[in-house]
């Protein structure tokens, strides 16, 4: 049986935050991405199946799963203490993230 593979994308804001971390942390994020390609539902759900987080020590990496686009969109990183604020912000920006991922998928498909 062939399993469906997902493409992993980053939002611009995710990349801006990720750039502030050291290479070891970035390497761990790469490993999470590798895992999400095979199993986008790894990690803990945040009230809905398609909004999840992965824990890395005191940090949380947040991502959205778009089955219709075969894509995972990494959207935020926070410390545990900022977790609820970041989750609430992501919820407010769902529509924005949907538009952003659709553009990224279209650009990638046209390459």
PDB file of N, CA and C in Angstrom:
ATOM      1  N   UNK A   1       0.832  -1.190   0.000  1.00  0.00           N
ATOM      2  CA  UNK A   1       0.000   0.000   0.000  1.00  0.00           C
ATOM      3  C   UNK A   1       0.877   1.254   0.000  1.00  0.00           C
ATOM      4  N   UNK A   2       0.546   2.178  -0.880  1.00  0.00           N
ATOM      5  CA  UNK A   2       1.292   3.430  -0.967  1.00  0.00           C
ATOM      6  C   UNK A   2       0.634   4.441  -0.034  1.00  0.00           C
ATOM      7  N   UNK A   3       1.455   5.013   0.853  1.00  0.00           N
ATOM      8  CA  UNK A   3       0.900   6.018   1.751  1.00  0.00           C
ATOM      9  C   UNK A   3       1.015   7.392   1.108  1.00  0.00           C
ATOM     10  N   UNK A   4       0.057   8.225   1.390  1.00  0.00           N
ATOM     11  CA  UNK A   4       0.040   9.580   0.858  1.00  0.00           C
ATOM     12  C   UNK A   4       1.105  10.398   1.578  1.00  0.00           C
ATOM     13  N   UNK A   5       1.900  11.100   0.796  1.00  0.00           N
ATOM     14  CA  UNK A   5       2.938  11.955   1.374  1.00  0.00           C
ATOM     15  C   UNK A   5       2.474  13.408   1.295  1.00  0.00           C
ATOM     16  N   UNK A   6       2.772  14.134   2.334  1.00  0.00           N
ATOM     17  CA  UNK A   6       2.385  15.529   2.410  1.00  0.00           C
ATOM     18  C   UNK A   6       3.595  16.417   2.159  1.00  0.00           C
ATOM     19  N   UNK A   7       3.354  17.591   1.614  1.00  0.00           N
ATOM     20  CA  UNK A   7       4.403  18.597   1.496  1.00  0.00           C
ATOM     21  C   UNK A   7       4.296  19.520   2.697  1.00  0.00           C
ATOM     22  N   UNK A   8       5.445  19.950   3.198  1.00  0.00           N
ATOM     23  CA  UNK A   8       5.473  20.831   4.363  1.00  0.00           C
ATOM     24  C   UNK A   8       5.919  22.213   3.915  1.00  0.00           C
ATOM     25  N   UNK A   9       5.150  23.206   4.308  1.00  0.00           N
ATOM     26  CA  UNK A   9       5.442  24.600   3.995  1.00  0.00           C
ATOM     27  C   UNK A   9       5.561  25.392   5.288  1.00  0.00           C
ATOM     28  N   UNK A  10       6.221  26.550   5.189  1.00  0.00           N
ATOM     29  CA  UNK A  10       6.353  27.465   6.329  1.00  0.00           C
ATOM     30  C   UNK A  10       5.658  28.778   5.982  1.00  0.00           C
ATOM     31  N   UNK A  11       4.971  29.354   6.961  1.00  0.00           N
ATOM     32  CA  UNK A  11       4.470  30.713   6.775  1.00  0.00           C
ATOM     33  C   UNK A  11       5.654  31.675   6.900  1.00  0.00           C
ATOM     34  N   UNK A  12       5.481  32.883   6.393  1.00  0.00           N
ATOM     35  CA  UNK A  12       6.552  33.878   6.507  1.00  0.00           C
ATOM     36  C   UNK A  12       6.868  34.163   7.973  1.00  0.00           C
ATOM     37  N   UNK A  13       5.834  34.269   8.783  1.00  0.00           N
ATOM     38  CA  UNK A  13       6.067  34.568  10.202  1.00  0.00           C
ATOM     39  C   UNK A  13       6.794  33.415  10.900  1.00  0.00           C
ATOM     40  N   UNK A  14       6.504  32.183  10.498  1.00  0.00           N
ATOM     41  CA  UNK A  14       7.204  31.026  11.059  1.00  0.00           C
ATOM     42  C   UNK A  14       8.695  31.127  10.745  1.00  0.00           C
ATOM     43  N   UNK A  15       9.025  31.433   9.492  1.00  0.00           N
ATOM     44  CA  UNK A  15      10.438  31.547   9.100  1.00  0.00           C
ATOM     45  C   UNK A  15      11.151  32.669   9.847  1.00  0.00           C
ATOM     46  N   UNK A  16      10.464  33.785  10.070  1.00  0.00           N
ATOM     47  CA  UNK A  16      11.078  34.900  10.797  1.00  0.00           C
ATOM     48  C   UNK A  16      11.439  34.482  12.221  1.00  0.00           C
ATOM     49  N   UNK A  17      10.566  33.733  12.868  1.00  0.00           N
ATOM     50  CA  UNK A  17      10.845  33.270  14.229  1.00  0.00           C
ATOM     51  C   UNK A  17      11.929  32.193  14.208  1.00  0.00           C
ATOM     52  N   UNK A  18      11.831  31.269  13.272  1.00  0.00           N
ATOM     53  CA  UNK A  18      12.805  30.168  13.183  1.00  0.00           C
ATOM     54  C   UNK A  18      14.226  30.687  12.968  1.00  0.00           C
ATOM     55  N   UNK A  19      14.369  31.762  12.212  1.00  0.00           N
ATOM     56  CA  UNK A  19      15.693  32.334  11.933  1.00  0.00           C
ATOM     57  C   UNK A  19      16.425  32.777  13.201  1.00  0.00           C
ATOM     58  N   UNK A  20      15.694  33.021  14.270  1.00  0.00           N
ATOM     59  CA  UNK A  20      16.304  33.491  15.517  1.00  0.00           C
ATOM     60  C   UNK A  20      16.904  32.349  16.340  1.00  0.00           C
ATOM     61  N   UNK A  21      16.626  31.112  15.955  1.00  0.00           N
ATOM     62  CA  UNK A  21      17.115  29.965  16.715  1.00  0.00           C
ATOM     63  C   UNK A  21      18.440  29.461  16.166  1.00  0.00           C
ATOM     64  N   UNK A  22      19.139  28.668  16.998  1.00  0.00           N
ATOM     65  CA  UNK A  22      20.416  28.106  16.571  1.00  0.00           C
ATOM     66  C   UNK A  22      20.200  26.904  15.642  1.00  0.00           C
ATOM     67  N   UNK A  23      21.301  26.435  15.059  1.00  0.00           N
ATOM     68  CA  UNK A  23      21.217  25.348  14.084  1.00  0.00           C
ATOM     69  C   UNK A  23      20.721  24.036  14.687  1.00  0.00           C
ATOM     70  N   UNK A  24      21.014  23.809  15.953  1.00  0.00           N
ATOM     71  CA  UNK A  24      20.528  22.581  16.597  1.00  0.00           C
ATOM     72  C   UNK A  24      18.998  22.570  16.635  1.00  0.00           C
ATOM     73  N   UNK A  25      18.408  23.695  17.019  1.00  0.00           N
ATOM     74  CA  UNK A  25      16.944  23.801  17.061  1.00  0.00           C
ATOM     75  C   UNK A  25      16.361  23.632  15.651  1.00  0.00           C
ATOM     76  N   UNK A  26      16.990  24.301  14.667  1.00  0.00           N
ATOM     77  CA  UNK A  26      16.518  24.192  13.275  1.00  0.00           C
ATOM     78  C   UNK A  26      16.593  22.752  12.790  1.00  0.00           C
ATOM     79  N   UNK A  27      17.622  22.024  13.217  1.00  0.00           N
ATOM     80  CA  UNK A  27      17.745  20.612  12.859  1.00  0.00           C
ATOM     81  C   UNK A  27      16.606  19.787  13.436  1.00  0.00           C
ATOM     82  N   UNK A  28      16.194  20.110  14.640  1.00  0.00           N
ATOM     83  CA  UNK A  28      15.068  19.400  15.260  1.00  0.00           C
ATOM     84  C   UNK A  28      13.766  19.710  14.531  1.00  0.00           C
ATOM     85  N   UNK A  29      13.617  20.954  14.069  1.00  0.00           N
ATOM     86  CA  UNK A  29      12.434  21.315  13.279  1.00  0.00           C
ATOM     87  C   UNK A  29      12.446  20.537  11.958  1.00  0.00           C
ATOM     88  N   UNK A  30      13.621  20.385  11.354  1.00  0.00           N
ATOM     89  CA  UNK A  30      13.743  19.579  10.125  1.00  0.00           C
ATOM     90  C   UNK A  30      13.273  18.147  10.358  1.00  0.00           C
ATOM     91  N   UNK A  31      13.625  17.573  11.507  1.00  0.00           N
ATOM     92  CA  UNK A  31      13.200  16.208  11.831  1.00  0.00           C
ATOM     93  C   UNK A  31      11.680  16.131  11.987  1.00  0.00           C
ATOM     94  N   UNK A  32      11.091  17.155  12.590  1.00  0.00           N
ATOM     95  CA  UNK A  32       9.627  17.204  12.699  1.00  0.00           C
ATOM     96  C   UNK A  32       9.012  17.250  11.298  1.00  0.00           C
ATOM     97  N   UNK A  33       9.586  18.063  10.421  1.00  0.00           N
ATOM     98  CA  UNK A  33       9.085  18.149   9.049  1.00  0.00           C
ATOM     99  C   UNK A  33       9.147  16.791   8.366  1.00  0.00           C
ATOM    100  N   UNK A  34      10.261  16.087   8.522  1.00  0.00           N
ATOM    101  CA  UNK A  34      10.393  14.752   7.924  1.00  0.00           C
ATOM    102  C   UNK A  34       9.295  13.826   8.422  1.00  0.00           C
ATOM    103  N   UNK A  35       8.981  13.919   9.697  1.00  0.00           N
ATOM    104  CA  UNK A  35       7.922  13.096  10.284  1.00  0.00           C
ATOM    105  C   UNK A  35       6.552  13.478   9.713  1.00  0.00           C
ATOM    106  N   UNK A  36       6.313  14.775   9.545  1.00  0.00           N
ATOM    107  CA  UNK A  36       5.015  15.241   9.062  1.00  0.00           C
ATOM    108  C   UNK A  36       4.751  14.874   7.607  1.00  0.00           C
ATOM    109  N   UNK A  37       5.810  14.722   6.812  1.00  0.00           N
ATOM    110  CA  UNK A  37       5.651  14.282   5.426  1.00  0.00           C
ATOM    111  C   UNK A  37       4.946  12.926   5.395  1.00  0.00           C
ATOM    112  N   UNK A  38       5.343  12.056   6.297  1.00  0.00           N
ATOM    113  CA  UNK A  38       4.773  10.713   6.368  1.00  0.00           C
ATOM    114  C   UNK A  38       3.488  10.654   7.191  1.00  0.00           C
ATOM    115  N   UNK A  39       3.450  11.409   8.277  1.00  0.00           N
ATOM    116  CA  UNK A  39       2.315  11.364   9.193  1.00  0.00           C
ATOM    117  C   UNK A  39       1.984  12.777   9.678  1.00  0.00           C
ATOM    118  N   UNK A  40       1.135  13.492   8.945  1.00  0.00           N
ATOM    119  CA  UNK A  40       0.828  14.868   9.332  1.00  0.00           C
ATOM    120  C   UNK A  40       0.074  14.969  10.655  1.00  0.00           C
ATOM    121  N   UNK A  41      -0.480  13.849  11.121  1.00  0.00           N
ATOM    122  CA  UNK A  41      -1.252  13.872  12.363  1.00  0.00           C
ATOM    123  C   UNK A  41      -0.422  13.515  13.597  1.00  0.00           C
ATOM    124  N   UNK A  42       0.900  13.522  13.434  1.00  0.00           N
ATOM    125  CA  UNK A  42       1.777  13.387  14.596  1.00  0.00           C
ATOM    126  C   UNK A  42       1.581  14.641  15.435  1.00  0.00           C
ATOM    127  N   UNK A  43       1.885  14.555  16.695  1.00  0.00           N
ATOM    128  CA  UNK A  43       1.723  15.729  17.542  1.00  0.00           C
ATOM    129  C   UNK A  43       0.369  15.735  18.217  1.00  0.00           C
ATOM    130  N   UNK A  44       0.173  16.742  19.032  1.00  0.00           N
ATOM    131  CA  UNK A  44      -1.044  16.837  19.839  1.00  0.00           C
ATOM    132  C   UNK A  44      -2.084  17.709  19.147  1.00  0.00           C
ATOM    133  N   UNK A  45      -3.338  17.218  19.033  1.00  0.00           N
ATOM    134  CA  UNK A  45      -4.393  18.045  18.427  1.00  0.00           C
ATOM    135  C   UNK A  45      -4.788  19.187  19.360  1.00  0.00           C
ATOM    136  N   UNK A  46      -5.156  20.309  18.778  1.00  0.00           N
ATOM    137  CA  UNK A  46      -5.593  21.479  19.536  1.00  0.00           C
ATOM    138  C   UNK A  46      -7.073  21.726  19.241  1.00  0.00           C
ATOM    139  N   UNK A  47      -7.899  20.905  19.837  1.00  0.00           N
ATOM    140  CA  UNK A  47      -9.364  20.949  19.730  1.00  0.00           C
ATOM    141  C   UNK A  47      -9.937  20.449  18.408  1.00  0.00           C
ATOM    142  N   UNK A  48      -9.180  20.513  17.329  1.00  0.00           N
ATOM    143  CA  UNK A  48      -9.634  19.995  16.043  1.00  0.00           C
ATOM    144  C   UNK A  48      -8.533  19.125  15.443  1.00  0.00           C
ATOM    145  N   UNK A  49      -8.918  18.206  14.575  1.00  0.00           N
ATOM    146  CA  UNK A  49      -7.973  17.239  14.011  1.00  0.00           C
ATOM    147  C   UNK A  49      -6.846  17.906  13.207  1.00  0.00           C
ATOM    148  N   UNK A  50      -7.137  19.013  12.554  1.00  0.00           N
ATOM    149  CA  UNK A  50      -6.211  19.610  11.591  1.00  0.00           C
ATOM    150  C   UNK A  50      -5.360  20.757  12.147  1.00  0.00           C
ATOM    151  N   UNK A  51      -5.444  21.026  13.449  1.00  0.00           N
ATOM    152  CA  UNK A  51      -4.619  22.061  14.093  1.00  0.00           C
ATOM    153  C   UNK A  51      -3.861  21.365  15.213  1.00  0.00           C
ATOM    154  N   UNK A  52      -2.522  21.338  15.111  1.00  0.00           N
ATOM    155  CA  UNK A  52      -1.708  20.533  16.032  1.00  0.00           C
ATOM    156  C   UNK A  52      -0.464  21.263  16.482  1.00  0.00           C
ATOM    157  N   UNK A  53       0.168  20.676  17.495  1.00  0.00           N
ATOM    158  CA  UNK A  53       1.453  21.185  17.971  1.00  0.00           C
ATOM    159  C   UNK A  53       2.377  20.012  18.257  1.00  0.00           C
ATOM    160  N   UNK A  54       3.672  20.281  18.130  1.00  0.00           N
ATOM    161  CA  UNK A  54       4.720  19.344  18.552  1.00  0.00           C
ATOM    162  C   UNK A  54       5.527  20.063  19.617  1.00  0.00           C
ATOM    163  N   UNK A  55       5.843  19.345  20.688  1.00  0.00           N
ATOM    164  CA  UNK A  55       6.640  19.910  21.774  1.00  0.00           C
ATOM    165  C   UNK A  55       8.114  19.663  21.546  1.00  0.00           C
ATOM    166  N   UNK A  56       8.898  20.680  21.854  1.00  0.00           N
ATOM    167  CA  UNK A  56      10.360  20.571  21.823  1.00  0.00           C
ATOM    168  C   UNK A  56      10.875  21.302  23.060  1.00  0.00           C
ATOM    169  N   UNK A  57      11.120  20.556  24.124  1.00  0.00           N
ATOM    170  CA  UNK A  57      11.529  21.149  25.394  1.00  0.00           C
ATOM    171  C   UNK A  57      10.492  22.184  25.832  1.00  0.00           C
ATOM    172  N   UNK A  58      10.918  23.452  25.998  1.00  0.00           N
ATOM    173  CA  UNK A  58       9.967  24.463  26.456  1.00  0.00           C
ATOM    174  C   UNK A  58       9.221  25.131  25.295  1.00  0.00           C
ATOM    175  N   UNK A  59       9.495  24.708  24.073  1.00  0.00           N
ATOM    176  CA  UNK A  59       8.878  25.314  22.894  1.00  0.00           C
ATOM    177  C   UNK A  59       7.769  24.437  22.316  1.00  0.00           C
ATOM    178  N   UNK A  60       6.887  25.093  21.564  1.00  0.00           N
ATOM    179  CA  UNK A  60       5.821  24.417  20.838  1.00  0.00           C
ATOM    180  C   UNK A  60       5.904  24.870  19.386  1.00  0.00           C
ATOM    181  N   UNK A  61       5.788  23.912  18.469  1.00  0.00           N
ATOM    182  CA  UNK A  61       5.730  24.215  17.038  1.00  0.00           C
ATOM    183  C   UNK A  61       4.298  23.917  16.597  1.00  0.00           C
ATOM    184  N   UNK A  62       3.644  24.915  16.000  1.00  0.00           N
ATOM    185  CA  UNK A  62       2.236  24.793  15.625  1.00  0.00           C
ATOM    186  C   UNK A  62       2.106  24.632  14.115  1.00  0.00           C
ATOM    187  N   UNK A  63       1.171  23.774  13.712  1.00  0.00           N
ATOM    188  CA  UNK A  63       0.961  23.572  12.280  1.00  0.00           C
ATOM    189  C   UNK A  63      -0.492  23.219  11.983  1.00  0.00           C
ATOM    190  N   UNK A  64      -0.862  23.506  10.749  1.00  0.00           N
ATOM    191  CA  UNK A  64      -2.205  23.241  10.247  1.00  0.00           C
ATOM    192  C   UNK A  64      -2.105  22.202   9.144  1.00  0.00           C
ATOM    193  N   UNK A  65      -3.063  21.300   9.083  1.00  0.00           N
ATOM    194  CA  UNK A  65      -3.066  20.240   8.069  1.00  0.00           C
ATOM    195  C   UNK A  65      -4.185  20.538   7.075  1.00  0.00           C
ATOM    196  N   UNK A  66      -3.816  20.573   5.806  1.00  0.00           N
ATOM    197  CA  UNK A  66      -4.786  20.795   4.733  1.00  0.00           C
ATOM    198  C   UNK A  66      -4.823  19.544   3.862  1.00  0.00           C
ATOM    199  N   UNK A  67      -5.743  18.640   4.169  1.00  0.00           N
ATOM    200  CA  UNK A  67      -5.837  17.392   3.410  1.00  0.00           C
ATOM    201  C   UNK A  67      -6.137  17.659   1.943  1.00  0.00           C
ATOM    202  N   UNK A  68      -7.000  18.643   1.667  1.00  0.00           N
ATOM    203  CA  UNK A  68      -7.383  18.937   0.283  1.00  0.00           C
ATOM    204  C   UNK A  68      -6.187  19.401  -0.549  1.00  0.00           C
ATOM    205  N   UNK A  69      -5.176  19.947   0.104  1.00  0.00           N
ATOM    206  CA  UNK A  69      -3.970  20.415  -0.586  1.00  0.00           C
ATOM    207  C   UNK A  69      -2.787  19.475  -0.386  1.00  0.00           C
ATOM    208  N   UNK A  70      -3.005  18.382   0.353  1.00  0.00           N
ATOM    209  CA  UNK A  70      -1.915  17.442   0.661  1.00  0.00           C
ATOM    210  C   UNK A  70      -0.738  18.165   1.313  1.00  0.00           C
ATOM    211  N   UNK A  71      -1.053  19.085   2.204  1.00  0.00           N
ATOM    212  CA  UNK A  71      -0.017  19.960   2.737  1.00  0.00           C
ATOM    213  C   UNK A  71      -0.129  20.150   4.243  1.00  0.00           C
ATOM    214  N   UNK A  72       1.031  20.404   4.843  1.00  0.00           N
ATOM    215  CA  UNK A  72       1.127  20.806   6.243  1.00  0.00           C
ATOM    216  C   UNK A  72       1.743  22.197   6.243  1.00  0.00           C
ATOM    217  N   UNK A  73       1.136  23.105   7.015  1.00  0.00           N
ATOM    218  CA  UNK A  73       1.596  24.483   7.052  1.00  0.00           C
ATOM    219  C   UNK A  73       2.077  24.807   8.451  1.00  0.00           C
ATOM    220  N   UNK A  74       3.383  24.967   8.607  1.00  0.00           N
ATOM    221  CA  UNK A  74       3.969  25.320   9.899  1.00  0.00           C
ATOM    222  C   UNK A  74       3.815  26.828  10.065  1.00  0.00           C
ATOM    223  N   UNK A  75       3.104  27.229  11.155  1.00  0.00           N
ATOM    224  CA  UNK A  75       2.698  28.626  11.253  1.00  0.00           C
ATOM    225  C   UNK A  75       3.258  29.390  12.449  1.00  0.00           C
ATOM    226  N   UNK A  76       3.708  28.700  13.500  1.00  0.00           N
ATOM    227  CA  UNK A  76       4.175  29.444  14.670  1.00  0.00           C
ATOM    228  C   UNK A  76       5.053  28.596  15.574  1.00  0.00           C
ATOM    229  N   UNK A  77       5.850  29.290  16.382  1.00  0.00           N
ATOM    230  CA  UNK A  77       6.671  28.687  17.437  1.00  0.00           C
ATOM    231  C   UNK A  77       6.462  29.551  18.672  1.00  0.00           C
ATOM    232  N   UNK A  78       6.277  28.918  19.812  1.00  0.00           N
ATOM    233  CA  UNK A  78       6.168  29.706  21.041  1.00  0.00           C
ATOM    234  C   UNK A  78       6.742  28.924  22.205  1.00  0.00           C
ATOM    235  N   UNK A  79       6.950  29.632  23.302  1.00  0.00           N
ATOM    236  CA  UNK A  79       7.279  28.966  24.552  1.00  0.00           C
ATOM    237  C   UNK A  79       5.977  28.541  25.205  1.00  0.00           C
ATOM    238  N   UNK A  80       6.070  27.609  26.128  1.00  0.00           N
ATOM    239  CA  UNK A  80       4.890  27.117  26.828  1.00  0.00           C
ATOM    240  C   UNK A  80       4.092  28.268  27.442  1.00  0.00           C
ATOM    241  N   UNK A  81       4.785  29.247  28.010  1.00  0.00           N
ATOM    242  CA  UNK A  81       4.089  30.337  28.700  1.00  0.00           C
ATOM    243  C   UNK A  81       3.233  31.182  27.754  1.00  0.00           C
ATOM    244  N   UNK A  82       3.564  31.204  26.460  1.00  0.00           N
ATOM    245  CA  UNK A  82       2.801  31.986  25.471  1.00  0.00           C
ATOM    246  C   UNK A  82       1.833  31.121  24.673  1.00  0.00           C
ATOM    247  N   UNK A  83       1.722  29.856  25.046  1.00  0.00           N
ATOM    248  CA  UNK A  83       0.975  28.882  24.252  1.00  0.00           C
ATOM    249  C   UNK A  83      -0.456  29.335  23.940  1.00  0.00           C
ATOM    250  N   UNK A  84      -1.235  29.715  24.945  1.00  0.00           N
ATOM    251  CA  UNK A  84      -2.644  30.041  24.708  1.00  0.00           C
ATOM    252  C   UNK A  84      -2.807  31.276  23.836  1.00  0.00           C
ATOM    253  N   UNK A  85      -1.943  32.268  24.060  1.00  0.00           N
ATOM    254  CA  UNK A  85      -2.002  33.490  23.247  1.00  0.00           C
ATOM    255  C   UNK A  85      -1.734  33.163  21.782  1.00  0.00           C
ATOM    256  N   UNK A  86      -0.740  32.323  21.515  1.00  0.00           N
ATOM    257  CA  UNK A  86      -0.391  31.963  20.142  1.00  0.00           C
ATOM    258  C   UNK A  86      -1.506  31.135  19.503  1.00  0.00           C
ATOM    259  N   UNK A  87      -2.058  30.190  20.249  1.00  0.00           N
ATOM    260  CA  UNK A  87      -3.164  29.372  19.727  1.00  0.00           C
ATOM    261  C   UNK A  87      -4.342  30.280  19.347  1.00  0.00           C
ATOM    262  N   UNK A  88      -4.675  31.224  20.205  1.00  0.00           N
ATOM    263  CA  UNK A  88      -5.784  32.140  19.918  1.00  0.00           C
ATOM    264  C   UNK A  88      -5.505  32.982  18.675  1.00  0.00           C
ATOM    265  N   UNK A  89      -4.267  33.431  18.524  1.00  0.00           N
ATOM    266  CA  UNK A  89      -3.887  34.225  17.348  1.00  0.00           C
ATOM    267  C   UNK A  89      -4.002  33.395  16.078  1.00  0.00           C
ATOM    268  N   UNK A  90      -3.524  32.164  16.112  1.00  0.00           N
ATOM    269  CA  UNK A  90      -3.621  31.282  14.937  1.00  0.00           C
ATOM    270  C   UNK A  90      -5.087  31.080  14.568  1.00  0.00           C
ATOM    271  N   UNK A  91      -5.936  30.855  15.560  1.00  0.00           N
ATOM    272  CA  UNK A  91      -7.374  30.686  15.296  1.00  0.00           C
ATOM    273  C   UNK A  91      -7.956  31.910  14.586  1.00  0.00           C
ATOM    274  N   UNK A  92      -7.538  33.101  15.019  1.00  0.00           N
ATOM    275  CA  UNK A  92      -8.021  34.329  14.381  1.00  0.00           C
ATOM    276  C   UNK A  92      -7.538  34.453  12.931  1.00  0.00           C
ATOM    277  N   UNK A  93      -6.395  33.852  12.646  1.00  0.00           N
ATOM    278  CA  UNK A  93      -5.774  33.994  11.319  1.00  0.00           C
ATOM    279  C   UNK A  93      -6.006  32.793  10.400  1.00  0.00           C
ATOM    280  N   UNK A  94      -6.917  31.872  10.752  1.00  0.00           N
ATOM    281  CA  UNK A  94      -7.156  30.683   9.924  1.00  0.00           C
ATOM    282  C   UNK A  94      -7.366  31.036   8.454  1.00  0.00           C
ATOM    283  N   UNK A  95      -8.228  32.008   8.172  1.00  0.00           N
ATOM    284  CA  UNK A  95      -8.530  32.358   6.781  1.00  0.00           C
ATOM    285  C   UNK A  95      -7.300  32.898   6.067  1.00  0.00           C
ATOM    286  N   UNK A  96      -6.534  33.724   6.771  1.00  0.00           N
ATOM    287  CA  UNK A  96      -5.298  34.254   6.201  1.00  0.00           C
ATOM    288  C   UNK A  96      -4.326  33.124   5.853  1.00  0.00           C
ATOM    289  N   UNK A  97      -4.160  32.170   6.786  1.00  0.00           N
ATOM    290  CA  UNK A  97      -3.241  31.054   6.536  1.00  0.00           C
ATOM    291  C   UNK A  97      -3.714  30.201   5.360  1.00  0.00           C
ATOM    292  N   UNK A  98      -5.025  30.017   5.220  1.00  0.00           N
ATOM    293  CA  UNK A  98      -5.567  29.236   4.099  1.00  0.00           C
ATOM    294  C   UNK A  98      -5.187  29.899   2.779  1.00  0.00           C
ATOM    295  N   UNK A  99      -5.338  31.217   2.691  1.00  0.00           N
ATOM    296  CA  UNK A  99      -4.950  31.938   1.475  1.00  0.00           C
ATOM    297  C   UNK A  99      -3.456  31.808   1.215  1.00  0.00           C
ATOM    298  N   UNK A 100      -2.661  31.943   2.260  1.00  0.00           N
ATOM    299  CA  UNK A 100      -1.198  31.883   2.105  1.00  0.00           C
ATOM    300  C   UNK A 100      -0.755  30.496   1.617  1.00  0.00           C
ATOM    301  N   UNK A 101      -1.305  29.434   2.197  1.00  0.00           N
ATOM    302  CA  UNK A 101      -0.901  28.077   1.782  1.00  0.00           C
ATOM    303  C   UNK A 101      -1.372  27.791   0.360  1.00  0.00           C
ATOM    304  N   UNK A 102      -2.546  28.270  -0.011  1.00  0.00           N
ATOM    305  CA  UNK A 102      -3.024  28.047  -1.383  1.00  0.00           C
ATOM    306  C   UNK A 102      -2.084  28.701  -2.391  1.00  0.00           C
ATOM    307  N   UNK A 103      -1.602  29.901  -2.088  1.00  0.00           N
ATOM    308  CA  UNK A 103      -0.644  30.574  -2.976  1.00  0.00           C
ATOM    309  C   UNK A 103       0.662  29.780  -3.055  1.00  0.00           C
ATOM    310  N   UNK A 104       1.165  29.321  -1.915  1.00  0.00           N
ATOM    311  CA  UNK A 104       2.421  28.559  -1.906  1.00  0.00           C
ATOM    312  C   UNK A 104       2.288  27.257  -2.701  1.00  0.00           C
ATOM    313  N   UNK A 105       1.175  26.569  -2.538  1.00  0.00           N
ATOM    314  CA  UNK A 105       0.956  25.309  -3.269  1.00  0.00           C
ATOM    315  C   UNK A 105       0.862  25.580  -4.774  1.00  0.00           C
ATOM    316  N   UNK A 106       0.138  26.650  -5.145  1.00  0.00           N
ATOM    317  CA  UNK A 106       0.028  27.010  -6.574  1.00  0.00           C
ATOM    318  C   UNK A 106       1.391  27.333  -7.165  1.00  0.00           C
ATOM    319  N   UNK A 107       2.198  28.113  -6.430  1.00  0.00           N
ATOM    320  CA  UNK A 107       3.542  28.464  -6.909  1.00  0.00           C
ATOM    321  C   UNK A 107       4.392  27.207  -7.060  1.00  0.00           C
ATOM    322  N   UNK A 108       4.304  26.310  -6.105  1.00  0.00           N
ATOM    323  CA  UNK A 108       5.103  25.094  -6.133  1.00  0.00           C
ATOM    324  C   UNK A 108       4.667  24.176  -7.272  1.00  0.00           C
ATOM    325  N   UNK A 109       3.360  24.096  -7.526  1.00  0.00           N
ATOM    326  CA  UNK A 109       2.841  23.235  -8.594  1.00  0.00           C
ATOM    327  C   UNK A 109       3.218  23.763  -9.970  1.00  0.00           C
ATOM    328  N   UNK A 110       3.406  25.073 -10.093  1.00  0.00           N
ATOM    329  CA  UNK A 110       3.710  25.646 -11.396  1.00  0.00           C
ATOM    330  C   UNK A 110       5.206  25.593 -11.729  1.00  0.00           C
ATOM    331  N   UNK A 111       6.007  25.139 -10.769  1.00  0.00           N
ATOM    332  CA  UNK A 111       7.473  25.060 -10.992  1.00  0.00           C
ATOM    333  C   UNK A 111       7.790  23.817 -11.792  1.00  0.00           C
TER     334      UNK A 111
END
